[in-house]
PDB file of N, CA and C in Angstrom:
ATOM      1  N   MET A   1     -10.083 -12.794  -2.060  1.00  0.00           N
ATOM      2  CA  MET A   1      -8.692 -13.173  -2.096  1.00  0.00           C
ATOM      3  C   MET A   1      -8.110 -12.725  -3.429  1.00  0.00           C
ATOM      4  N   MET A   2      -6.930 -12.145  -3.381  1.00  0.00           N
ATOM      5  CA  MET A   2      -6.302 -11.692  -4.616  1.00  0.00           C
ATOM      6  C   MET A   2      -5.576 -12.830  -5.321  1.00  0.00           C
ATOM      7  N   ASN A   3      -5.384 -12.669  -6.589  1.00  0.00           N
ATOM      8  CA  ASN A   3      -4.621 -13.628  -7.392  1.00  0.00           C
ATOM      9  C   ASN A   3      -3.294 -12.971  -7.744  1.00  0.00           C
ATOM     10  N   PRO A   4      -2.211 -13.346  -7.039  1.00  0.00           N
ATOM     11  CA  PRO A   4      -0.919 -12.710  -7.312  1.00  0.00           C
ATOM     12  C   PRO A   4      -0.434 -13.014  -8.732  1.00  0.00           C
ATOM     13  N   THR A   5       0.255 -12.057  -9.292  1.00  0.00           N
ATOM     14  CA  THR A   5       0.828 -12.205 -10.628  1.00  0.00           C
ATOM     15  C   THR A   5       2.348 -12.185 -10.519  1.00  0.00           C
ATOM     16  N   ALA A   6       3.015 -12.469 -11.632  1.00  0.00           N
ATOM     17  CA  ALA A   6       4.478 -12.444 -11.658  1.00  0.00           C
ATOM     18  C   ALA A   6       4.999 -11.079 -11.218  1.00  0.00           C
ATOM     19  N   ARG A   7       4.271 -10.008 -11.568  1.00  0.00           N
ATOM     20  CA  ARG A   7       4.691  -8.663 -11.177  1.00  0.00           C
ATOM     21  C   ARG A   7       4.711  -8.498  -9.654  1.00  0.00           C
ATOM     22  N   ASP A   8       3.786  -9.175  -8.970  1.00  0.00           N
ATOM     23  CA  ASP A   8       3.728  -9.082  -7.510  1.00  0.00           C
ATOM     24  C   ASP A   8       4.979  -9.674  -6.859  1.00  0.00           C
ATOM     25  N   TYR A   9       5.634 -10.596  -7.545  1.00  0.00           N
ATOM     26  CA  TYR A   9       6.797 -11.272  -6.993  1.00  0.00           C
ATOM     27  C   TYR A   9       8.108 -10.808  -7.618  1.00  0.00           C
ATOM     28  N   ALA A  10       8.061  -9.764  -8.408  1.00  0.00           N
ATOM     29  CA  ALA A  10       9.268  -9.282  -9.085  1.00  0.00           C
ATOM     30  C   ALA A  10      10.373  -9.020  -8.073  1.00  0.00           C
ATOM     31  N   GLY A  11      11.511  -9.631  -8.310  1.00  0.00           N
ATOM     32  CA  GLY A  11      12.666  -9.412  -7.444  1.00  0.00           C
ATOM     33  C   GLY A  11      12.682 -10.254  -6.191  1.00  0.00           C
ATOM     34  N   SER A  12      11.696 -11.101  -5.981  1.00  0.00           N
ATOM     35  CA  SER A  12      11.685 -11.950  -4.795  1.00  0.00           C
ATOM     36  C   SER A  12      11.443 -13.399  -5.213  1.00  0.00           C
ATOM     37  N   PRO A  13      11.865 -14.344  -4.385  1.00  0.00           N
ATOM     38  CA  PRO A  13      11.642 -15.744  -4.745  1.00  0.00           C
ATOM     39  C   PRO A  13      10.147 -16.074  -4.716  1.00  0.00           C
ATOM     40  N   PRO A  14       9.746 -17.068  -5.490  1.00  0.00           N
ATOM     41  CA  PRO A  14       8.336 -17.449  -5.490  1.00  0.00           C
ATOM     42  C   PRO A  14       7.937 -18.064  -4.151  1.00  0.00           C
ATOM     43  N   PRO A  15       6.652 -18.048  -3.822  1.00  0.00           N
ATOM     44  CA  PRO A  15       6.213 -18.661  -2.566  1.00  0.00           C
ATOM     45  C   PRO A  15       6.496 -20.165  -2.596  1.00  0.00           C
ATOM     46  N   ARG A  16       6.763 -20.725  -1.425  1.00  0.00           N
ATOM     47  CA  ARG A  16       7.065 -22.154  -1.343  1.00  0.00           C
ATOM     48  C   ARG A  16       6.913 -22.627   0.094  1.00  0.00           C
ATOM     49  N   TRP A  17       6.800 -23.925   0.248  1.00  0.00           N
ATOM     50  CA  TRP A  17       6.766 -24.557   1.559  1.00  0.00           C
ATOM     51  C   TRP A  17       8.170 -25.027   1.892  1.00  0.00           C
ATOM     52  N   ILE A  18       8.525 -24.948   3.164  1.00  0.00           N
ATOM     53  CA  ILE A  18       9.804 -25.480   3.623  1.00  0.00           C
ATOM     54  C   ILE A  18       9.501 -26.450   4.743  1.00  0.00           C
ATOM     55  N   GLY A  19       9.837 -27.705   4.533  1.00  0.00           N
ATOM     56  CA  GLY A  19       9.642 -28.722   5.560  1.00  0.00           C
ATOM     57  C   GLY A  19      10.927 -28.929   6.341  1.00  0.00           C
ATOM     58  N   TYR A  20      10.803 -29.117   7.629  1.00  0.00           N
ATOM     59  CA  TYR A  20      11.951 -29.389   8.485  1.00  0.00           C
ATOM     60  C   TYR A  20      11.897 -30.832   8.967  1.00  0.00           C
ATOM     61  N   ILE A  21      13.055 -31.473   9.010  1.00  0.00           N
ATOM     62  CA  ILE A  21      13.172 -32.816   9.565  1.00  0.00           C
ATOM     63  C   ILE A  21      13.617 -32.666  11.012  1.00  0.00           C
ATOM     64  N   ALA A  22      12.860 -33.249  11.945  1.00  0.00           N
ATOM     65  CA  ALA A  22      13.212 -33.177  13.358  1.00  0.00           C
ATOM     66  C   ALA A  22      14.365 -34.135  13.654  1.00  0.00           C
ATOM     67  N   VAL A  23      15.379 -33.633  14.355  1.00  0.00           N
ATOM     68  CA  VAL A  23      16.528 -34.446  14.745  1.00  0.00           C
ATOM     69  C   VAL A  23      16.752 -34.292  16.246  1.00  0.00           C
ATOM     70  N   ALA A  24      17.385 -35.284  16.848  1.00  0.00           N
ATOM     71  CA  ALA A  24      17.659 -35.243  18.285  1.00  0.00           C
ATOM     72  C   ALA A  24      18.812 -34.298  18.617  1.00  0.00           C
ATOM     73  N   ASP A  25      19.773 -34.142  17.683  1.00  0.00           N
ATOM     74  CA  ASP A  25      20.960 -33.327  17.936  1.00  0.00           C
ATOM     75  C   ASP A  25      21.363 -32.615  16.645  1.00  0.00           C
ATOM     76  N   ALA A  26      20.980 -31.360  16.518  1.00  0.00           N
ATOM     77  CA  ALA A  26      21.259 -30.596  15.297  1.00  0.00           C
ATOM     78  C   ALA A  26      22.752 -30.402  15.082  1.00  0.00           C
ATOM     79  N   ASP A  27      23.520 -30.229  16.154  1.00  0.00           N
ATOM     80  CA  ASP A  27      24.962 -30.035  16.016  1.00  0.00           C
ATOM     81  C   ASP A  27      25.625 -31.283  15.447  1.00  0.00           C
ATOM     82  N   ALA A  28      25.242 -32.450  15.955  1.00  0.00           N
ATOM     83  CA  ALA A  28      25.802 -33.711  15.465  1.00  0.00           C
ATOM     84  C   ALA A  28      25.386 -33.946  14.016  1.00  0.00           C
ATOM     85  N   THR A  29      24.157 -33.580  13.673  1.00  0.00           N
ATOM     86  CA  THR A  29      23.677 -33.745  12.302  1.00  0.00           C
ATOM     87  C   THR A  29      24.490 -32.873  11.347  1.00  0.00           C
ATOM     88  N   ALA A  30      24.731 -31.614  11.703  1.00  0.00           N
ATOM     89  CA  ALA A  30      25.515 -30.712  10.852  1.00  0.00           C
ATOM     90  C   ALA A  30      26.943 -31.228  10.679  1.00  0.00           C
ATOM     91  N   ALA A  31      27.529 -31.767  11.734  1.00  0.00           N
ATOM     92  CA  ALA A  31      28.880 -32.320  11.638  1.00  0.00           C
ATOM     93  C   ALA A  31      28.905 -33.515  10.691  1.00  0.00           C
ATOM     94  N   LYS A  32      27.891 -34.356  10.775  1.00  0.00           N
ATOM     95  CA  LYS A  32      27.813 -35.541   9.924  1.00  0.00           C
ATOM     96  C   LYS A  32      27.609 -35.149   8.459  1.00  0.00           C
ATOM     97  N   VAL A  33      26.839 -34.098   8.213  1.00  0.00           N
ATOM     98  CA  VAL A  33      26.620 -33.598   6.852  1.00  0.00           C
ATOM     99  C   VAL A  33      27.962 -33.283   6.200  1.00  0.00           C
ATOM    100  N   ALA A  34      28.799 -32.511   6.893  1.00  0.00           N
ATOM    101  CA  ALA A  34      30.107 -32.137   6.350  1.00  0.00           C
ATOM    102  C   ALA A  34      30.983 -33.375   6.146  1.00  0.00           C
ATOM    103  N   GLU A  35      30.933 -34.278   7.090  1.00  0.00           N
ATOM    104  CA  GLU A  35      31.731 -35.505   7.015  1.00  0.00           C
ATOM    105  C   GLU A  35      31.357 -36.350   5.798  1.00  0.00           C
ATOM    106  N   LEU A  36      30.077 -36.349   5.433  1.00  0.00           N
ATOM    107  CA  LEU A  36      29.593 -37.196   4.340  1.00  0.00           C
ATOM    108  C   LEU A  36      29.519 -36.479   2.983  1.00  0.00           C
ATOM    109  N   GLY A  37      30.064 -35.266   2.914  1.00  0.00           N
ATOM    110  CA  GLY A  37      30.139 -34.584   1.624  1.00  0.00           C
ATOM    111  C   GLY A  37      29.066 -33.562   1.346  1.00  0.00           C
ATOM    112  N   GLY A  38      28.217 -33.284   2.329  1.00  0.00           N
ATOM    113  CA  GLY A  38      27.209 -32.242   2.159  1.00  0.00           C
ATOM    114  C   GLY A  38      27.813 -30.881   2.467  1.00  0.00           C
ATOM    115  N   LYS A  39      27.009 -29.845   2.319  1.00  0.00           N
ATOM    116  CA  LYS A  39      27.483 -28.481   2.568  1.00  0.00           C
ATOM    117  C   LYS A  39      26.469 -27.736   3.422  1.00  0.00           C
ATOM    118  N   VAL A  40      26.902 -27.270   4.581  1.00  0.00           N
ATOM    119  CA  VAL A  40      26.030 -26.484   5.455  1.00  0.00           C
ATOM    120  C   VAL A  40      25.906 -25.089   4.847  1.00  0.00           C
ATOM    121  N   LEU A  41      24.670 -24.674   4.560  1.00  0.00           N
ATOM    122  CA  LEU A  41      24.409 -23.374   3.938  1.00  0.00           C
ATOM    123  C   LEU A  41      24.044 -22.300   4.942  1.00  0.00           C
ATOM    124  N   GLU A  42      23.471 -22.703   6.051  1.00  0.00           N
ATOM    125  CA  GLU A  42      23.049 -21.762   7.090  1.00  0.00           C
ATOM    126  C   GLU A  42      23.569 -22.295   8.418  1.00  0.00           C
ATOM    127  N   GLU A  43      24.398 -21.506   9.079  1.00  0.00           N
ATOM    128  CA  GLU A  43      24.964 -21.960  10.342  1.00  0.00           C
ATOM    129  C   GLU A  43      23.852 -22.274  11.347  1.00  0.00           C
ATOM    130  N   LEU A  44      24.141 -23.211  12.204  1.00  0.00           N
ATOM    131  CA  LEU A  44      23.189 -23.549  13.262  1.00  0.00           C
ATOM    132  C   LEU A  44      22.847 -22.315  14.070  1.00  0.00           C
ATOM    133  N   HIS A  45      21.580 -22.175  14.386  1.00  0.00           N
ATOM    134  CA  HIS A  45      21.171 -21.070  15.251  1.00  0.00           C
ATOM    135  C   HIS A  45      19.885 -21.442  15.979  1.00  0.00           C
ATOM    136  N   ASN A  46      19.656 -20.753  17.071  1.00  0.00           N
ATOM    137  CA  ASN A  46      18.484 -21.003  17.903  1.00  0.00           C
ATOM    138  C   ASN A  46      17.367 -20.049  17.514  1.00  0.00           C
ATOM    139  N   VAL A  47      16.172 -20.589  17.422  1.00  0.00           N
ATOM    140  CA  VAL A  47      14.972 -19.791  17.201  1.00  0.00           C
ATOM    141  C   VAL A  47      14.157 -19.902  18.492  1.00  0.00           C
ATOM    142  N   PRO A  48      14.061 -18.827  19.273  1.00  0.00           N
ATOM    143  CA  PRO A  48      13.361 -18.886  20.551  1.00  0.00           C
ATOM    144  C   PRO A  48      11.940 -19.439  20.412  1.00  0.00           C
ATOM    145  N   GLY A  49      11.622 -20.384  21.274  1.00  0.00           N
ATOM    146  CA  GLY A  49      10.304 -20.990  21.274  1.00  0.00           C
ATOM    147  C   GLY A  49      10.116 -22.063  20.214  1.00  0.00           C
ATOM    148  N   VAL A  50      11.134 -22.301  19.402  1.00  0.00           N
ATOM    149  CA  VAL A  50      11.042 -23.285  18.323  1.00  0.00           C
ATOM    150  C   VAL A  50      12.101 -24.365  18.479  1.00  0.00           C
ATOM    151  N   GLY A  51      13.367 -23.966  18.389  1.00  0.00           N
ATOM    152  CA  GLY A  51      14.450 -24.934  18.507  1.00  0.00           C
ATOM    153  C   GLY A  51      15.694 -24.484  17.780  1.00  0.00           C
ATOM    154  N   ARG A  52      16.603 -25.415  17.550  1.00  0.00           N
ATOM    155  CA  ARG A  52      17.879 -25.159  16.894  1.00  0.00           C
ATOM    156  C   ARG A  52      17.758 -25.643  15.449  1.00  0.00           C
ATOM    157  N   ILE A  53      18.060 -24.769  14.475  1.00  0.00           N
ATOM    158  CA  ILE A  53      17.847 -25.126  13.080  1.00  0.00           C
ATOM    159  C   ILE A  53      19.096 -24.881  12.233  1.00  0.00           C
ATOM    160  N   THR A  54      19.130 -25.563  11.087  1.00  0.00           N
ATOM    161  CA  THR A  54      20.166 -25.350  10.080  1.00  0.00           C
ATOM    162  C   THR A  54      19.622 -25.776   8.721  1.00  0.00           C
ATOM    163  N   MET A  55      20.334 -25.383   7.680  1.00  0.00           N
ATOM    164  CA  MET A  55      19.970 -25.744   6.312  1.00  0.00           C
ATOM    165  C   MET A  55      21.236 -26.211   5.612  1.00  0.00           C
ATOM    166  N   PHE A  56      21.111 -27.285   4.824  1.00  0.00           N
ATOM    167  CA  PHE A  56      22.270 -27.784   4.101  1.00  0.00           C
ATOM    168  C   PHE A  56      21.854 -28.452   2.804  1.00  0.00           C
ATOM    169  N   THR A  57      22.837 -28.766   1.968  1.00  0.00           N
ATOM    170  CA  THR A  57      22.586 -29.571   0.777  1.00  0.00           C
ATOM    171  C   THR A  57      23.293 -30.900   0.956  1.00  0.00           C
ATOM    172  N   ASP A  58      22.694 -31.942   0.391  1.00  0.00           N
ATOM    173  CA  ASP A  58      23.358 -33.237   0.408  1.00  0.00           C
ATOM    174  C   ASP A  58      24.352 -33.264  -0.757  1.00  0.00           C
ATOM    175  N   PRO A  59      25.141 -34.343  -0.914  1.00  0.00           N
ATOM    176  CA  PRO A  59      26.148 -34.370  -1.983  1.00  0.00           C
ATOM    177  C   PRO A  59      25.577 -34.218  -3.401  1.00  0.00           C
ATOM    178  N   THR A  60      24.276 -34.489  -3.582  1.00  0.00           N
ATOM    179  CA  THR A  60      23.677 -34.326  -4.915  1.00  0.00           C
ATOM    180  C   THR A  60      23.096 -32.938  -5.122  1.00  0.00           C
ATOM    181  N   GLY A  61      23.105 -32.104  -4.076  1.00  0.00           N
ATOM    182  CA  GLY A  61      22.591 -30.750  -4.173  1.00  0.00           C
ATOM    183  C   GLY A  61      21.179 -30.566  -3.645  1.00  0.00           C
ATOM    184  N   ALA A  62      20.550 -31.636  -3.144  1.00  0.00           N
ATOM    185  CA  ALA A  62      19.197 -31.521  -2.594  1.00  0.00           C
ATOM    186  C   ALA A  62      19.230 -30.679  -1.316  1.00  0.00           C
ATOM    187  N   LEU A  63      18.306 -29.768  -1.207  1.00  0.00           N
ATOM    188  CA  LEU A  63      18.216 -28.873  -0.061  1.00  0.00           C
ATOM    189  C   LEU A  63      17.470 -29.550   1.081  1.00  0.00           C
ATOM    190  N   VAL A  64      18.037 -29.473   2.291  1.00  0.00           N
ATOM    191  CA  VAL A  64      17.446 -30.112   3.469  1.00  0.00           C
ATOM    192  C   VAL A  64      17.485 -29.122   4.630  1.00  0.00           C
ATOM    193  N   HIS A  65      16.375 -29.049   5.367  1.00  0.00           N
ATOM    194  CA  HIS A  65      16.292 -28.237   6.582  1.00  0.00           C
ATOM    195  C   HIS A  65      16.092 -29.188   7.758  1.00  0.00           C
ATOM    196  N   VAL A  66      16.821 -28.965   8.842  1.00  0.00           N
ATOM    197  CA  VAL A  66      16.615 -29.782  10.044  1.00  0.00           C
ATOM    198  C   VAL A  66      16.398 -28.879  11.248  1.00  0.00           C
ATOM    199  N   MET A  67      15.688 -29.448  12.236  1.00  0.00           N
ATOM    200  CA  MET A  67      15.402 -28.708  13.454  1.00  0.00           C
ATOM    201  C   MET A  67      15.479 -29.647  14.643  1.00  0.00           C
ATOM    202  N   GLN A  68      16.166 -29.205  15.661  1.00  0.00           N
ATOM    203  CA  GLN A  68      16.162 -29.884  16.950  1.00  0.00           C
ATOM    204  C   GLN A  68      15.133 -29.133  17.787  1.00  0.00           C
ATOM    205  N   PRO A  69      13.953 -29.709  17.975  1.00  0.00           N
ATOM    206  CA  PRO A  69      12.895 -28.992  18.705  1.00  0.00           C
ATOM    207  C   PRO A  69      13.346 -28.566  20.103  1.00  0.00           C
ATOM    208  N   GLU A  70      12.913 -27.397  20.502  1.00  0.00           N
ATOM    209  CA  GLU A  70      13.208 -26.901  21.835  1.00  0.00           C
ATOM    210  C   GLU A  70      12.511 -27.790  22.858  1.00  0.00           C
ATOM    211  N   LYS A  71      13.214 -28.117  23.906  1.00  0.00           N
ATOM    212  CA  LYS A  71      12.615 -28.943  24.955  1.00  0.00           C
ATOM    213  C   LYS A  71      11.611 -28.100  25.750  1.00  0.00           C
ATOM    214  N   THR A  72      10.488 -28.723  26.062  1.00  0.00           N
ATOM    215  CA  THR A  72       9.463 -28.036  26.838  1.00  0.00           C
ATOM    216  C   THR A  72       9.310 -28.725  28.175  1.00  0.00           C
ATOM    217  N   GLY A  73       8.598 -28.113  29.069  1.00  0.00           N
ATOM    218  CA  GLY A  73       8.393 -28.678  30.393  1.00  0.00           C
ATOM    219  C   GLY A  73       7.365 -29.817  30.405  1.00  0.00           C
ATOM    220  N   ALA A  74       6.713 -30.049  29.291  1.00  0.00           N
ATOM    221  CA  ALA A  74       5.660 -31.072  29.229  1.00  0.00           C
ATOM    222  C   ALA A  74       6.216 -32.472  29.216  1.00  0.00           C
TER     223      ALA A  74
END
């Protein structure tokens, strides 16, 4: 396994984990974010086989990702 250096990441953001909060209704969540003073950074969109996702900041600037999981036949 290689040990990446700062040079390996030059010009790109550092590696990181992104956690998503599962919600029942991503559209309603995004509307509520705006209503309560947050800012939607990434418009709602569908990811095939995954669900409906968006990214926003809360009024303090904390970054939050939410996902409405795609319904399955199970």
